[in-house]
């Protein structure tokens, strides 16, 4: 049965992918964000099931007005200041968006009888992994501002679940990648350099082993959590269960683009070249498989190949439109 779902961060990279997936299966979507691209506006023009709402999550009146006006049945919450380096450089704004914005969503849900929240969280809530593969029961001791604000939002959800009967389900994903990723980070930088015919040599970071998740798998996991009738757990890993290194990503792209000059030297990875990463690894996905029926469709090679082909196609289309 079709539902009416409010998606926060609907103009963002992951949020917009979730919006499109919900529409494709017949749901009605209220997309909420600070503003919308021409692509999103055109999608709404063509699809009466999509309503775009300009609102700031940090402004209580705007959030509650959206719930009052559009009466969603559930929420998928993707809106955030994303990434260790951006959060560290904007700590007050990150607190306001990631934590205060989530509280406003939870309060609006409480007041309007909306029970289910699917919250897109992160492996950064764990801080340093204590083993090569971890479960959802791993201690959450974030060592970044980003991870701290996301963990605070998770804990607020637990309190609202306990006190007010909300269903707050945390999707902990890892390094999500795919076509049109808006941030210049691994593995996007390798694909862009390879297609530009430019070298990309990272001076350190090649040893970092980290679960790298193709965007379609993240979207699938979020929708599986949305649809499950009853949850025994409030957190799921939506990832691959594997942890290739950054050097592995450079090597695979080099194999997919013969002649590419890509390299990641040994050593610790630094977010934005500034902030040393926490120890990473793989996320155990057995709970998501058992409870949600989740099974990732893309290992790193398959995901990078799909990203590469989509990027090539987008570049070719852009070039054809620029030079008729």
Protein backbone atom coordinates (compact mmCIF):
# COMPACT_ATOMS: atom_id res chain seq x y z
CA UNK A 1 0.00 0.00 0.00
CA UNK A 2 1.32 3.42 -0.96
CA UNK A 3 2.47 5.67 1.87
CA UNK A 4 3.12 9.36 2.32
CA UNK A 5 6.76 9.77 3.35
CA UNK A 6 8.55 12.93 4.40
CA UNK A 7 12.20 12.92 3.31
CA UNK A 8 14.51 15.50 4.87
CA UNK A 9 17.53 16.58 2.91
CA UNK A 10 15.55 15.72 -0.21
CA UNK A 11 17.74 17.79 -2.51
CA UNK A 12 20.91 16.16 -1.19
CA UNK A 13 22.74 13.40 -3.01
CA UNK A 14 21.44 10.49 -0.92
CA UNK A 15 18.12 12.14 -0.06
CA UNK A 16 17.23 12.71 -3.71
CA UNK A 17 18.09 9.08 -4.55
CA UNK A 18 15.69 7.96 -1.81
CA UNK A 19 13.01 10.32 -3.11
CA UNK A 20 13.28 8.82 -6.60
CA UNK A 21 13.17 5.26 -5.24
CA UNK A 22 10.03 5.99 -3.22
CA UNK A 23 8.30 7.59 -6.20
CA UNK A 24 9.27 4.70 -8.45
CA UNK A 25 7.40 2.26 -6.26
CA UNK A 26 4.30 4.45 -5.96
CA UNK A 27 4.69 6.30 -2.67
CA UNK A 28 3.83 9.96 -2.20
CA UNK A 29 6.80 12.04 -1.07
CA UNK A 30 7.12 15.33 0.78
CA UNK A 31 10.65 16.48 0.07
CA UNK A 32 11.97 18.96 2.62
CA UNK A 33 15.16 20.97 2.21
CA UNK A 34 16.63 24.46 2.22
CA UNK A 35 16.23 24.69 -1.54
CA UNK A 36 15.92 22.54 -4.63
CA UNK A 37 17.78 22.06 -7.88
CA UNK A 38 16.24 22.48 -11.30
CA UNK A 39 16.33 18.69 -11.64
CA UNK A 40 14.26 18.25 -8.47
CA UNK A 41 11.82 20.97 -9.53
CA UNK A 42 11.34 19.28 -12.91
CA UNK A 43 10.75 15.91 -11.23
CA UNK A 44 8.05 17.49 -9.07
CA UNK A 45 6.48 19.14 -12.11
CA UNK A 46 6.26 15.78 -13.86
CA UNK A 47 5.13 13.79 -10.83
CA UNK A 48 2.15 14.90 -8.76
CA UNK A 49 3.19 12.48 -6.00
CA UNK A 50 6.18 14.68 -5.14
CA UNK A 51 5.73 17.86 -3.11
CA UNK A 52 8.79 20.03 -2.48
CA UNK A 53 8.84 22.08 0.71
CA UNK A 54 11.49 24.70 1.41
CA UNK A 55 12.21 24.63 5.14
CA UNK A 56 15.09 24.91 7.60
CA UNK A 57 15.23 22.02 10.08
CA UNK A 58 16.66 24.39 12.65
CA UNK A 59 13.51 26.53 12.52
CA UNK A 60 10.82 24.86 14.63
CA UNK A 61 7.91 26.74 13.07
CA UNK A 62 8.90 25.67 9.57
CA UNK A 63 9.26 22.03 10.57
CA UNK A 64 5.97 21.80 12.44
CA UNK A 65 4.16 23.63 9.64
CA UNK A 66 5.33 20.98 7.18
CA UNK A 67 3.90 18.21 9.38
CA UNK A 68 0.66 20.08 9.97
CA UNK A 69 0.14 20.86 6.30
CA UNK A 70 1.19 17.62 4.62
CA UNK A 71 0.48 14.96 7.29
CA UNK A 72 3.24 12.43 6.53
CA UNK A 73 2.94 8.85 7.74
CA UNK A 74 6.66 8.30 8.28
CA UNK A 75 9.99 10.14 7.96
CA UNK A 76 13.30 9.27 6.34
CA UNK A 77 15.80 11.70 7.82
CA UNK A 78 18.88 12.24 5.64
CA UNK A 79 19.48 15.97 6.20
CA UNK A 80 22.84 16.72 7.83
CA UNK A 81 26.14 18.49 7.64
CA UNK A 82 27.97 15.43 6.29
CA UNK A 83 31.60 14.50 6.81
CA UNK A 84 34.32 14.72 9.42
CA UNK A 85 36.12 17.72 7.93
CA UNK A 86 33.03 19.88 7.14
CA UNK A 87 31.65 19.25 10.64
CA UNK A 88 34.95 20.10 12.30
CA UNK A 89 35.15 23.34 10.36
CA UNK A 90 31.52 24.27 11.13
CA UNK A 91 30.94 22.88 14.63
CA UNK A 92 28.09 25.18 15.70
CA UNK A 93 26.21 24.83 12.42
CA UNK A 94 26.71 21.07 12.56
CA UNK A 95 25.21 20.93 16.05
CA UNK A 96 22.25 23.01 14.91
CA UNK A 97 21.55 20.96 11.79
CA UNK A 98 22.46 17.43 12.86
CA UNK A 99 21.23 17.45 16.44
CA UNK A 100 18.82 20.34 16.93
CA UNK A 101 17.25 19.67 13.54
CA UNK A 102 16.65 16.05 14.54
CA UNK A 103 15.03 17.14 17.80
CA UNK A 104 12.66 19.38 15.85
CA UNK A 105 11.72 16.43 13.63
CA UNK A 106 11.11 14.21 16.66
CA UNK A 107 8.96 16.83 18.38
CA UNK A 108 6.90 17.39 15.24
CA UNK A 109 6.41 13.64 14.93
CA UNK A 110 5.31 13.40 18.57
CA UNK A 111 2.78 16.21 18.23
CA UNK A 112 1.29 14.88 14.99
CA UNK A 113 1.20 11.18 15.80
CA UNK A 114 3.86 10.13 13.28
CA UNK A 115 5.52 7.01 14.67
CA UNK A 116 8.29 5.85 12.37
CA UNK A 117 11.62 7.60 11.75
CA UNK A 118 14.33 6.06 9.57
CA UNK A 119 17.49 7.94 10.51
CA UNK A 120 20.54 7.81 8.26
CA UNK A 121 23.42 7.50 10.69
CA UNK A 122 27.09 6.63 10.26
CA UNK A 123 29.97 4.43 11.34
CA UNK A 124 31.53 7.62 12.75
CA UNK A 125 29.38 7.12 15.87
CA UNK A 126 31.71 4.25 16.83
CA UNK A 127 35.01 6.11 16.74
CA UNK A 128 37.89 3.64 16.52
CA UNK A 129 36.82 0.12 15.56
CA UNK A 130 38.18 -2.40 18.05
CA UNK A 131 38.24 -5.22 15.48
CA UNK A 132 38.36 -5.67 11.71
CA UNK A 133 34.60 -6.26 11.51
CA UNK A 134 32.10 -4.94 14.06
CA UNK A 135 28.44 -5.46 14.93
CA UNK A 136 25.84 -2.87 15.91
CA UNK A 137 26.66 -3.58 19.57
CA UNK A 138 30.14 -2.12 19.26
CA UNK A 139 30.72 0.72 21.80
CA UNK A 140 29.84 4.12 20.40
CA UNK A 141 32.70 6.45 21.30
CA UNK A 142 32.94 8.99 18.48
CA UNK A 143 36.17 10.94 18.09
CA UNK A 144 34.84 13.48 15.60
CA UNK A 145 32.32 16.30 15.86
CA UNK A 146 30.37 14.74 13.02
CA UNK A 147 30.13 11.39 14.79
CA UNK A 148 29.25 13.08 18.07
CA UNK A 149 26.30 14.99 16.59
CA UNK A 150 25.00 11.89 14.82
CA UNK A 151 25.25 9.82 18.01
CA UNK A 152 23.42 12.55 19.95
CA UNK A 153 20.62 12.37 17.39
CA UNK A 154 20.47 8.57 17.77
CA UNK A 155 20.19 8.93 21.56
CA UNK A 156 17.43 11.53 21.28
CA UNK A 157 15.55 9.05 19.12
CA UNK A 158 15.91 6.39 21.82
CA UNK A 159 14.50 8.70 24.45
CA UNK A 160 11.54 9.65 22.24
CA UNK A 161 10.96 5.96 21.51
CA UNK A 162 10.95 5.14 25.22
CA UNK A 163 8.83 8.06 26.39
CA UNK A 164 6.45 8.63 23.50
CA UNK A 165 6.31 5.37 21.59
CA UNK A 166 8.08 6.54 18.46
CA UNK A 167 9.90 3.99 16.28
CA UNK A 168 13.34 5.46 15.64
CA UNK A 169 15.43 3.15 13.47
CA UNK A 170 19.07 4.00 12.81
CA UNK A 171 20.66 3.02 9.51
CA UNK A 172 24.41 3.03 10.08
CA UNK A 173 26.12 3.08 6.75
CA UNK A 174 29.75 3.72 5.90
CA UNK A 175 31.60 5.42 3.01
CA UNK A 176 28.77 5.74 0.50
CA UNK A 177 29.81 6.46 -3.09
CA UNK A 178 28.32 6.47 -6.56
CA UNK A 179 27.60 8.71 -9.56
CA UNK A 180 27.44 12.46 -8.97
CA UNK A 181 28.83 12.31 -5.43
CA UNK A 182 29.08 16.04 -4.61
CA UNK A 183 32.20 15.85 -2.45
CA UNK A 184 35.72 15.33 -3.76
CA UNK A 185 36.75 12.29 -1.74
CA UNK A 186 37.75 8.67 -2.18
CA UNK A 187 36.83 6.88 -4.40
CA UNK A 188 35.35 9.69 -6.52
CA UNK A 189 38.70 11.45 -6.84
CA UNK A 190 40.22 8.36 -8.45
CA UNK A 191 37.47 8.07 -11.06
CA UNK A 192 37.54 11.79 -11.87
CA UNK A 193 41.33 11.80 -12.24
CA UNK A 194 41.28 8.68 -14.42
CA UNK A 195 38.68 10.13 -16.78
CA UNK A 196 40.49 13.48 -16.89
CA UNK A 197 43.74 11.72 -17.78
CA UNK A 198 45.38 13.24 -14.71
CA UNK A 199 47.49 11.58 -12.03
CA UNK A 200 46.09 11.21 -8.52
CA UNK A 201 48.72 10.34 -5.93
CA UNK A 202 47.64 10.38 -2.28
CA UNK A 203 50.65 10.95 -0.02
CA UNK A 204 49.14 8.76 2.70
CA UNK A 205 46.00 6.84 3.57
CA UNK A 206 46.39 3.80 1.35
CA UNK A 207 46.35 1.41 4.29
CA UNK A 208 42.93 2.47 5.54
CA UNK A 209 40.53 -0.47 5.30
CA UNK A 210 36.95 0.76 5.22
CA UNK A 211 33.53 -0.50 4.15
CA UNK A 212 32.68 1.36 0.94
CA UNK A 213 29.00 1.21 0.00
CA UNK A 214 27.41 1.85 -3.38
CA UNK A 215 24.53 4.30 -3.07
CA UNK A 216 21.88 1.94 -4.44
CA UNK A 217 22.54 -0.50 -1.60
CA UNK A 218 22.13 2.27 0.98
CA UNK A 219 18.81 3.29 -0.56
CA UNK A 220 17.62 -0.32 -0.60
CA UNK A 221 18.49 -0.79 3.07
CA UNK A 222 16.68 2.37 4.12
CA UNK A 223 13.50 1.31 2.32
CA UNK A 224 13.66 -2.19 3.78
CA UNK A 225 13.81 -0.66 7.26
CA UNK A 226 10.92 1.67 6.41
CA UNK A 227 8.76 -1.24 5.29
CA UNK A 228 9.44 -3.76 8.07
CA UNK A 229 6.31 -4.17 10.17
CA UNK A 230 7.97 -4.59 13.56
CA UNK A 231 11.55 -3.96 14.58
CA UNK A 232 13.31 -5.89 17.32
CA UNK A 233 16.35 -3.62 16.99
CA UNK A 234 16.81 0.11 16.58
CA UNK A 235 20.02 -0.05 14.53
CA UNK A 236 21.18 -1.85 11.39
CA UNK A 237 24.39 -1.85 9.41
CA UNK A 238 23.67 -1.18 5.75
CA UNK A 239 27.00 -1.78 4.10
CA UNK A 240 28.92 -4.55 2.30
CA UNK A 241 30.47 -6.47 5.19
CA UNK A 242 33.88 -6.05 3.52
CA UNK A 243 36.68 -3.55 4.06
CA UNK A 244 38.91 -2.98 1.03
CA UNK A 245 41.65 -0.42 1.44
CA UNK A 246 41.94 2.96 -0.23
CA UNK A 247 44.87 1.52 -2.15
CA UNK A 248 42.53 -1.23 -3.37
CA UNK A 249 40.11 1.41 -4.69
CA UNK A 250 42.93 3.13 -6.60
CA UNK A 251 44.08 -0.20 -8.04
CA UNK A 252 40.57 -1.22 -9.18
CA UNK A 253 39.95 2.10 -10.94
CA UNK A 254 43.36 1.78 -12.61
CA UNK A 255 42.31 -1.63 -13.91
CA UNK A 256 38.99 -0.27 -15.17
CA UNK A 257 40.67 2.70 -16.91
CA UNK A 258 43.86 1.42 -18.52
CA UNK A 259 46.64 3.97 -18.32
CA UNK A 260 45.23 5.71 -15.25
CA UNK A 261 47.94 6.99 -12.94
CA UNK A 262 46.50 6.44 -9.47
CA UNK A 263 48.26 5.69 -6.22
CA UNK A 264 47.66 5.87 -2.48
CA UNK A 265 50.78 5.67 -0.33
CA UNK A 266 50.81 3.82 2.97
CA UNK A 267 49.82 5.52 6.20
CA UNK A 268 46.79 7.02 7.95
CA UNK A 269 44.08 8.74 5.97
CA UNK A 270 43.21 12.33 6.88
CA UNK A 271 39.78 13.79 6.20
CA UNK A 272 40.19 16.92 4.13
CA UNK A 273 43.93 16.50 4.55
CA UNK A 274 43.52 17.70 8.15
CA UNK A 275 41.81 15.27 10.49
CA UNK A 276 43.20 11.81 11.05
CA UNK A 277 40.56 9.17 10.52
CA UNK A 278 39.39 6.80 13.17
CA UNK A 279 40.40 3.16 12.79
CA UNK A 280 37.89 1.59 10.41
CA UNK A 281 37.02 -1.84 9.09
CA UNK A 282 33.95 -3.69 7.89
CA UNK A 283 30.40 -3.45 9.22
CA UNK A 284 28.83 -6.81 10.03
CA UNK A 285 25.60 -6.88 7.99
CA UNK A 286 24.20 -10.17 9.31
CA UNK A 287 21.51 -8.45 11.42
CA UNK A 288 20.24 -6.50 8.41
CA UNK A 289 20.27 -9.66 6.35
CA UNK A 290 18.40 -11.67 8.96
CA UNK A 291 15.88 -9.01 10.02
CA UNK A 292 15.36 -6.98 6.84
CA UNK A 293 16.29 -9.35 4.06
CA UNK A 294 19.10 -6.98 3.08
CA UNK A 295 21.80 -8.26 0.73
CA UNK A 296 24.22 -5.81 -0.92
CA UNK A 297 24.29 -6.00 -4.70
CA UNK A 298 27.64 -4.29 -5.22
CA UNK A 299 31.10 -5.14 -4.00
CA UNK A 300 33.70 -2.41 -4.53
CA UNK A 301 34.64 -3.46 -8.06
CA UNK A 302 31.03 -3.68 -9.24
CA UNK A 303 30.14 -0.37 -7.62
CA UNK A 304 33.17 1.42 -9.03
CA UNK A 305 32.49 0.04 -12.50
CA UNK A 306 28.87 1.24 -12.39
CA UNK A 307 29.97 4.65 -11.09
CA UNK A 308 32.58 4.91 -13.83
CA UNK A 309 30.12 4.05 -16.62
CA UNK A 310 27.51 6.48 -15.28
CA UNK A 311 30.12 9.24 -15.00
CA UNK A 312 31.29 8.63 -18.56
CA UNK A 313 27.71 8.77 -19.81
CA UNK A 314 27.00 11.99 -17.91
CA UNK A 315 30.15 13.62 -19.29
CA UNK A 316 29.27 12.57 -22.82
CA UNK A 317 25.75 13.98 -22.44
CA UNK A 318 27.06 17.25 -21.04
CA UNK A 319 29.55 17.55 -23.86
CA UNK A 320 26.89 16.90 -26.50
CA UNK A 321 24.63 19.57 -24.98
CA UNK A 322 27.50 22.06 -24.80
CA UNK A 323 28.70 21.44 -28.37
CA UNK A 324 25.71 20.63 -30.59
